[in-house]
Amino acid sequence: MIVLGIETSCDETGVALYDSEAGLLGHALFSQVDIHAEYGGVVPEIASRDHVRKLLPLINQCLEKAGLERNDIDAVAYTAGPGLIGALLVGTATGRSIAMALGCPALAVHHMEGHLLAPMLEEHPPEVPFVALLVSGGHSMLVEVRRIGEYRILGETLDDSAGEAFDKTAKLLDLGYPGGPALARLAEHGDPERFSFPRPMTNRPGLDFSFSGLKTHTRNLWLKGEKDDKTRADIAAGFQQAVVDTLLIKCRRAMQQTRAGQLVIAGGVGANLVLRETLQRAGKKHGWKVSYPRLEFCTDNGAMIALAGCQRLLAGQHTGPGLQAFARWPLDQLPPIGAQRP
C-alpha cells in the first residue's frame, strides 16, 4: 500500500509517500519560517494561505522524485489535529479531495501520534512497549506506548509547553524567530551555572510539567540585570539547562514507574542536542535504550503522518465523508488499532 501523507498543522507544509512494504519513498517540506519571522511568530491566516499555495506543488514534486503517478496512490493520510484550525482545514480538504478523485480511502491522523511514531522511520526502529517524551512548540507530555495505537498519558504540561517556553524566552532576549534553535545556539557560549534557575514541579511527585514559572523567573533575571551579550548568553544557557534537567527528572521517574526499557524522544524540541546527549547519558547509566528520529523528522513533516496513517489503514481504519479538523484532540481518545472510525 502506497500512502500519501499530508501535514499542515502549523507553519510547515509537508508531504510524503510511504510504502507499507518498501518504507519511505520520498518526502518534501516547505518551512514558512522566513514568512513569519518579521512578525515574531506564526500568523495563522498567513500560514493557511501559504499552505494553499504550496501543498499541491509539493505533492507533484514528491510524486516526480519517487517516479510515481497520482494513480499509484492507494490511500491518503492527513493531519486533522491538533493545530491551527485554518491550516488543518487546508490539508484536510486537499487530502479528502485527492482520495475522492482517486476512489481510495482517506484517514485523519493525530499530529502527536505522527511525532510519537516518527522514530520508526529509522533503519533500527524502537520496539514496543516504550515510553515517549513528546516535546514540541505546542505540547509536552510523557506517553506510555503499550503497542501502536494504545497510549496512556503519564504526564503533560499544565501551562506552557517546553517549546513554547523556549520561543518566548528567546523573544524576551531578542533572539528572533524561530526562537528555540537561536536560544540553543546562544547557550553554547554561556555559563549555565552563573544564575540559579528552578526545576519546576520536580520537588513533588508526579509526571506533569509546568514551564510558566521558569519563563517568569527568566524574565525577571533579564529585566533586573545587565543587558550585555555575556549576560544574555548565560541566561540562555541556564534556562536551557533548567528545561533539560526538568525533562530528565520526569523521564527518569516515568521509566521507573513503567519499568520500561526503551525511551523515545520526539517533537521539535527533540532536536535539541543538549537534551539528546543528556538523555543518552542517562540511558547508559540506568540501562534504557534511547531512540529519536533524525533531525529532519523531529519537526513537523509529512513522513510521520504517512507512516502513522499507514499503520491504521492497514488495520482497516478510514475516516468517513465530510471535513473535520480539531484544534484540540486528546491523544488518549484515539481508537485502538482495528477499531473503525466514525
Protein backbone atom coordinates (compact mmCIF):
# COMPACT_ATOMS: atom_id res chain seq x y z
CA MET A 1 0.00 0.00 0.00
CA ILE A 2 1.35 3.42 -1.01
CA VAL A 3 0.13 6.19 1.29
CA LEU A 4 0.30 9.91 0.59
CA GLY A 5 0.90 11.80 3.83
CA ILE A 6 -0.07 15.47 4.25
CA GLU A 7 0.97 17.68 7.18
CA THR A 8 -0.33 21.27 7.51
CA SER A 9 -0.94 21.70 11.24
CA CYS A 10 1.08 24.90 11.70
CA ASP A 11 3.80 26.64 9.69
CA GLU A 12 5.34 23.81 7.71
CA THR A 13 3.85 22.18 4.62
CA GLY A 14 4.94 18.55 4.50
CA VAL A 15 4.12 15.72 2.11
CA ALA A 16 5.45 12.19 1.82
CA LEU A 17 4.90 8.87 0.08
CA TYR A 18 5.18 5.78 2.26
CA ASP A 19 5.04 2.18 1.04
CA SER A 20 3.86 -0.39 3.59
CA GLU A 21 6.47 -2.82 2.27
CA ALA A 22 9.35 -0.67 0.98
CA GLY A 23 9.12 2.12 3.58
CA LEU A 24 9.57 5.83 2.87
CA LEU A 25 9.69 6.52 -0.88
CA GLY A 26 10.21 10.26 -0.63
CA HIS A 27 9.16 13.42 1.16
CA ALA A 28 9.14 17.18 0.63
CA LEU A 29 8.86 20.05 3.07
CA PHE A 30 8.41 23.80 2.87
CA SER A 31 9.02 25.84 6.01
CA GLN A 32 7.31 29.19 6.48
CA VAL A 33 9.95 30.44 8.92
CA ASP A 34 11.05 33.34 6.72
CA ILE A 35 7.44 34.38 6.12
CA HIS A 36 6.58 34.63 9.82
CA ALA A 37 9.95 35.96 11.03
CA GLU A 38 9.04 39.61 10.54
CA TYR A 39 6.02 39.13 12.84
CA GLY A 40 7.99 37.35 15.56
CA GLY A 41 5.72 34.28 15.48
CA VAL A 42 3.21 32.33 13.42
CA VAL A 43 0.30 34.31 11.94
CA PRO A 44 -2.48 31.72 11.45
CA GLU A 45 -4.13 33.34 8.41
CA ILE A 46 -0.83 33.74 6.60
CA ALA A 47 0.06 30.13 7.44
CA SER A 48 -3.22 28.86 5.97
CA ARG A 49 -2.85 30.86 2.77
CA ASP A 50 0.70 29.65 2.22
CA HIS A 51 -0.37 26.01 2.67
CA VAL A 52 -2.89 26.59 -0.14
CA ARG A 53 -0.10 27.86 -2.40
CA LYS A 54 2.49 25.22 -1.60
CA LEU A 55 0.64 21.95 -0.97
CA LEU A 56 -0.23 20.77 -4.49
CA PRO A 57 3.17 21.72 -5.99
CA LEU A 58 4.89 19.80 -3.17
CA ILE A 59 2.72 16.73 -3.81
CA ASN A 60 3.62 16.85 -7.52
CA GLN A 61 7.29 17.29 -6.63
CA CYS A 62 7.21 14.30 -4.28
CA LEU A 63 5.50 12.09 -6.86
CA GLU A 64 8.03 13.07 -9.51
CA LYS A 65 11.01 12.32 -7.27
CA ALA A 66 9.56 8.92 -6.38
CA GLY A 67 8.82 8.14 -10.03
CA LEU A 68 5.12 7.69 -9.33
CA GLU A 69 1.83 8.95 -10.77
CA ARG A 70 -1.21 10.04 -8.78
CA ASN A 71 -2.99 6.81 -9.72
CA ASP A 72 -0.26 4.89 -7.86
CA ILE A 73 -1.55 6.32 -4.55
CA ASP A 74 -3.57 3.71 -2.63
CA ALA A 75 -4.64 5.88 0.32
CA VAL A 76 -4.29 9.38 1.75
CA ALA A 77 -3.41 10.27 5.35
CA TYR A 78 -3.68 13.87 6.51
CA THR A 79 -3.22 15.69 9.81
CA ALA A 80 -6.63 16.58 11.23
CA GLY A 81 -5.44 17.93 14.58
CA PRO A 82 -4.40 19.26 16.93
CA GLY A 83 -3.14 22.51 15.41
CA LEU A 84 -4.22 25.77 13.79
CA ILE A 85 -7.73 25.12 12.55
CA GLY A 86 -7.39 27.05 9.27
CA ALA A 87 -4.12 25.35 8.41
CA LEU A 88 -5.55 21.94 9.28
CA LEU A 89 -8.56 22.51 7.03
CA VAL A 90 -6.27 23.13 4.05
CA GLY A 91 -4.66 19.71 4.43
CA THR A 92 -7.95 18.05 5.31
CA ALA A 93 -9.78 19.44 2.28
CA THR A 94 -6.90 18.62 -0.07
CA GLY A 95 -6.43 15.12 1.30
CA ARG A 96 -10.15 14.31 1.16
CA SER A 97 -10.41 15.70 -2.38
CA ILE A 98 -7.49 13.66 -3.69
CA ALA A 99 -8.86 10.50 -2.06
CA MET A 100 -12.30 11.14 -3.54
CA ALA A 101 -10.87 11.76 -7.01
CA LEU A 102 -8.79 8.58 -6.86
CA GLY A 103 -11.52 6.50 -5.23
CA CYS A 104 -9.22 5.45 -2.40
CA PRO A 105 -9.59 5.55 1.41
CA ALA A 106 -8.55 8.55 3.50
CA LEU A 107 -7.60 8.76 7.14
CA ALA A 108 -7.49 11.66 9.60
CA VAL A 109 -4.23 11.39 11.57
CA HIS A 110 -3.44 12.75 15.03
CA HIS A 111 -0.43 15.07 14.79
CA MET A 112 1.13 13.81 18.03
CA GLU A 113 0.73 10.17 17.03
CA GLY A 114 2.78 11.08 13.98
CA HIS A 115 5.55 12.52 16.18
CA LEU A 116 5.32 9.54 18.51
CA LEU A 117 5.89 7.08 15.65
CA ALA A 118 8.49 9.17 13.78
CA PRO A 119 11.46 7.17 15.21
CA MET A 120 10.02 4.13 13.41
CA LEU A 121 11.13 5.73 10.15
CA GLU A 122 14.71 4.87 11.09
CA GLU A 123 16.63 1.80 9.98
CA HIS A 124 16.57 0.40 13.52
CA PRO A 125 13.18 1.43 14.94
CA PRO A 126 12.35 1.16 18.66
CA GLU A 127 10.41 -1.86 19.83
CA VAL A 128 7.17 -1.53 21.75
CA PRO A 129 6.41 -1.18 24.58
CA PHE A 130 8.23 2.08 25.30
CA VAL A 131 7.86 5.47 26.97
CA ALA A 132 7.80 8.51 24.70
CA LEU A 133 8.75 12.05 25.62
CA LEU A 134 6.87 14.30 23.18
CA VAL A 135 8.18 17.85 23.33
CA SER A 136 7.20 20.43 20.75
CA GLY A 137 6.05 24.02 20.38
CA GLY A 138 2.54 23.14 21.49
CA HIS A 139 2.92 20.01 23.60
CA SER A 140 4.99 18.46 26.36
CA MET A 141 3.91 15.02 27.50
CA LEU A 142 5.10 11.62 28.59
CA VAL A 143 3.24 8.72 26.99
CA GLU A 144 3.37 5.01 27.69
CA VAL A 145 3.11 3.16 24.37
CA ARG A 146 1.93 -0.35 25.13
CA ARG A 147 1.52 -1.06 21.42
CA ILE A 148 0.91 1.06 18.35
CA GLY A 149 -2.47 2.67 18.83
CA GLU A 150 -2.64 2.02 22.58
CA TYR A 151 -1.40 5.01 24.54
CA ARG A 152 -1.55 6.07 28.17
CA ILE A 153 -0.66 9.66 29.04
CA LEU A 154 1.60 9.63 32.09
CA GLY A 155 2.04 13.37 32.39
CA GLU A 156 1.63 16.58 30.42
CA THR A 157 2.16 20.29 30.74
CA LEU A 158 -0.21 22.29 32.91
CA ASP A 159 0.58 25.55 31.09
CA ASP A 160 3.34 26.37 28.59
CA SER A 161 4.99 23.59 26.64
CA ALA A 162 8.79 23.30 26.66
CA GLY A 163 8.94 24.55 23.07
CA GLU A 164 6.69 27.50 23.84
CA ALA A 165 8.87 28.42 26.81
CA PHE A 166 11.96 28.27 24.58
CA ASP A 167 10.34 30.53 21.97
CA LYS A 168 9.02 33.08 24.48
CA THR A 169 12.36 33.25 26.30
CA ALA A 170 14.17 33.73 23.00
CA LYS A 171 11.78 36.57 22.16
CA LEU A 172 12.47 38.15 25.56
CA LEU A 173 16.21 38.00 24.80
CA ASP A 174 15.58 39.48 21.33
CA LEU A 175 16.92 36.42 19.51
CA GLY A 176 14.44 36.48 16.64
CA TYR A 177 12.20 33.74 15.23
CA PRO A 178 12.24 30.77 15.42
CA GLY A 179 13.42 31.25 18.95
CA GLY A 180 14.21 27.72 20.17
CA PRO A 181 17.15 26.97 17.84
CA ALA A 182 18.51 30.52 18.27
CA LEU A 183 18.46 30.19 22.06
CA ALA A 184 20.21 26.80 21.87
CA ARG A 185 22.96 28.28 19.69
CA LEU A 186 23.47 31.20 22.07
CA ALA A 187 23.51 28.86 25.08
CA GLU A 188 26.64 27.18 23.68
CA HIS A 189 28.56 30.34 24.60
CA GLY A 190 27.04 30.84 28.05
CA ASP A 191 27.68 29.68 31.61
CA PRO A 192 24.66 27.68 32.87
CA GLU A 193 25.88 27.99 36.48
CA ARG A 194 26.06 31.80 36.69
CA PHE A 195 22.38 32.21 37.62
CA SER A 196 20.12 29.99 39.68
CA PHE A 197 17.07 28.62 37.85
CA PRO A 198 14.23 26.50 39.29
CA ARG A 199 13.45 22.99 38.07
CA PRO A 200 9.64 23.29 38.06
CA MET A 201 7.50 20.62 39.77
CA THR A 202 10.45 18.31 40.39
CA ASN A 203 10.19 18.62 44.18
CA ARG A 204 6.77 16.93 44.21
CA PRO A 205 5.59 13.54 42.96
CA GLY A 206 4.00 13.13 39.56
CA LEU A 207 4.92 13.42 35.91
CA ASP A 208 3.18 16.66 34.89
CA PHE A 209 5.18 19.65 33.65
CA SER A 210 4.95 23.40 34.19
CA PHE A 211 7.20 25.92 32.48
CA SER A 212 5.38 29.23 33.01
CA GLY A 213 7.14 29.88 36.33
CA LEU A 214 10.55 29.19 34.79
CA LYS A 215 9.72 31.60 31.99
CA THR A 216 8.74 34.29 34.54
CA HIS A 217 11.91 33.69 36.55
CA THR A 218 13.98 34.14 33.40
CA ARG A 219 12.13 37.33 32.53
CA ASN A 220 12.83 38.81 35.96
CA LEU A 221 16.54 37.96 35.70
CA TRP A 222 16.81 39.68 32.34
CA LEU A 223 14.81 42.78 33.21
CA LYS A 224 16.63 43.39 36.51
CA GLY A 225 20.15 42.57 35.33
CA GLU A 226 22.76 43.76 32.86
CA LYS A 227 21.80 43.71 29.16
CA ASP A 228 25.23 42.76 27.79
CA ASP A 229 25.95 39.84 25.47
CA LYS A 230 27.59 37.77 28.22
CA THR A 231 24.51 38.02 30.46
CA ARG A 232 22.24 37.15 27.53
CA ALA A 233 24.28 34.01 26.78
CA ASP A 234 24.48 32.98 30.44
CA ILE A 235 20.71 33.34 30.88
CA ALA A 236 20.12 31.31 27.72
CA ALA A 237 22.45 28.56 28.96
CA GLY A 238 20.90 28.48 32.44
CA PHE A 239 17.37 28.42 31.07
CA GLN A 240 18.14 25.62 28.63
CA GLN A 241 19.83 23.54 31.34
CA ALA A 242 16.85 24.01 33.65
CA VAL A 243 14.45 22.74 30.96
CA VAL A 244 16.69 19.78 30.12
CA ASP A 245 17.15 18.85 33.79
CA THR A 246 13.39 19.03 34.36
CA LEU A 247 12.69 16.76 31.39
CA LEU A 248 15.41 14.35 32.55
CA ILE A 249 13.96 14.07 36.07
CA LYS A 250 10.46 13.40 34.71
CA CYS A 251 11.73 10.85 32.19
CA ARG A 252 13.64 9.02 34.89
CA ARG A 253 10.50 8.82 37.02
CA ALA A 254 8.43 7.59 34.08
CA MET A 255 10.93 4.86 33.27
CA GLN A 256 10.97 3.74 36.90
CA GLN A 257 7.18 3.72 37.20
CA THR A 258 6.55 1.80 33.98
CA ARG A 259 9.69 -0.36 34.22
CA ALA A 260 10.13 0.25 30.51
CA GLY A 261 13.44 -0.44 28.83
CA GLN A 262 13.03 1.95 25.90
CA LEU A 263 12.72 5.74 25.85
CA VAL A 264 11.72 7.58 22.67
CA ILE A 265 12.20 11.33 22.23
CA ALA A 266 10.16 13.10 19.55
CA GLY A 267 8.86 16.52 18.58
CA GLY A 268 10.62 19.74 17.65
CA VAL A 269 12.41 20.18 20.98
CA GLY A 270 13.70 16.64 20.49
CA ALA A 271 16.17 18.18 18.03
CA ASN A 272 17.91 19.99 20.92
CA LEU A 273 21.35 18.40 21.11
CA VAL A 274 21.85 19.08 24.84
CA LEU A 275 18.58 17.25 25.58
CA ARG A 276 19.58 14.33 23.34
CA GLU A 277 23.02 14.00 24.89
CA THR A 278 21.67 14.28 28.44
CA LEU A 279 19.02 11.58 27.94
CA GLN A 280 21.51 9.39 26.07
CA ARG A 281 23.90 9.52 29.05
CA ALA A 282 21.04 8.78 31.44
CA GLY A 283 20.05 5.79 29.30
CA LYS A 284 23.54 4.35 29.51
CA LYS A 285 23.64 4.90 33.26
CA HIS A 286 20.24 3.37 34.01
CA GLY A 287 20.12 0.70 31.32
CA TRP A 288 17.50 2.17 28.94
CA LYS A 289 17.66 2.25 25.20
CA VAL A 290 17.13 5.78 23.85
CA SER A 291 15.73 6.40 20.37
CA TYR A 292 14.87 9.52 18.43
CA PRO A 293 14.19 10.36 14.79
CA ARG A 294 16.79 12.04 12.63
CA LEU A 295 16.72 15.83 12.95
CA GLU A 296 14.66 16.40 9.78
CA PHE A 297 11.85 14.25 11.23
CA CYS A 298 11.79 16.00 14.64
CA THR A 299 9.97 19.00 13.25
CA ASP A 300 6.58 18.68 11.53
CA ASN A 301 6.79 16.59 8.36
CA GLY A 302 4.67 14.51 6.02
CA ALA A 303 6.66 11.30 6.51
CA MET A 304 5.48 10.77 10.08
CA ILE A 305 1.86 11.35 9.02
CA ALA A 306 2.15 8.89 6.14
CA LEU A 307 3.66 6.27 8.46
CA ALA A 308 1.07 6.75 11.23
CA GLY A 309 -1.74 6.70 8.70
CA CYS A 310 -0.39 3.57 7.05
CA GLN A 311 -0.45 1.67 10.35
CA ARG A 312 -4.15 2.38 10.82
CA LEU A 313 -5.12 1.99 7.18
CA LEU A 314 -3.59 -1.49 7.13
CA ALA A 315 -5.81 -2.32 10.12
CA GLY A 316 -8.87 -1.35 8.09
CA GLN A 317 -9.48 2.09 9.56
CA HIS A 318 -10.58 5.03 7.44
CA THR A 319 -12.40 8.30 8.01
CA GLY A 320 -15.96 8.80 6.84
CA PRO A 321 -17.09 11.52 4.42
CA GLY A 322 -17.05 15.15 5.46
CA LEU A 323 -14.37 17.60 6.54
CA GLN A 324 -13.39 17.56 10.19
CA ALA A 325 -10.39 19.19 11.83
CA PHE A 326 -9.68 19.60 15.53
CA ALA A 327 -7.76 22.44 17.15
CA ARG A 328 -7.72 20.23 20.27
CA TRP A 329 -7.68 16.44 20.12
CA PRO A 330 -6.60 14.41 23.18
CA LEU A 331 -4.18 11.66 22.21
CA ASP A 332 -5.72 9.12 24.56
CA GLN A 333 -9.07 9.44 22.75
CA LEU A 334 -7.71 7.74 19.64
CA PRO A 335 -9.39 4.42 18.83
CA PRO A 336 -7.18 1.34 19.19
CA ILE A 337 -5.79 -0.21 16.04
CA GLY A 338 -8.53 -2.26 14.45
CA ALA A 339 -11.41 -0.08 15.64
CA GLN A 340 -13.42 1.63 12.90
CA ARG A 341 -13.51 5.41 12.95
CA PRO A 342 -16.80 7.28 12.62
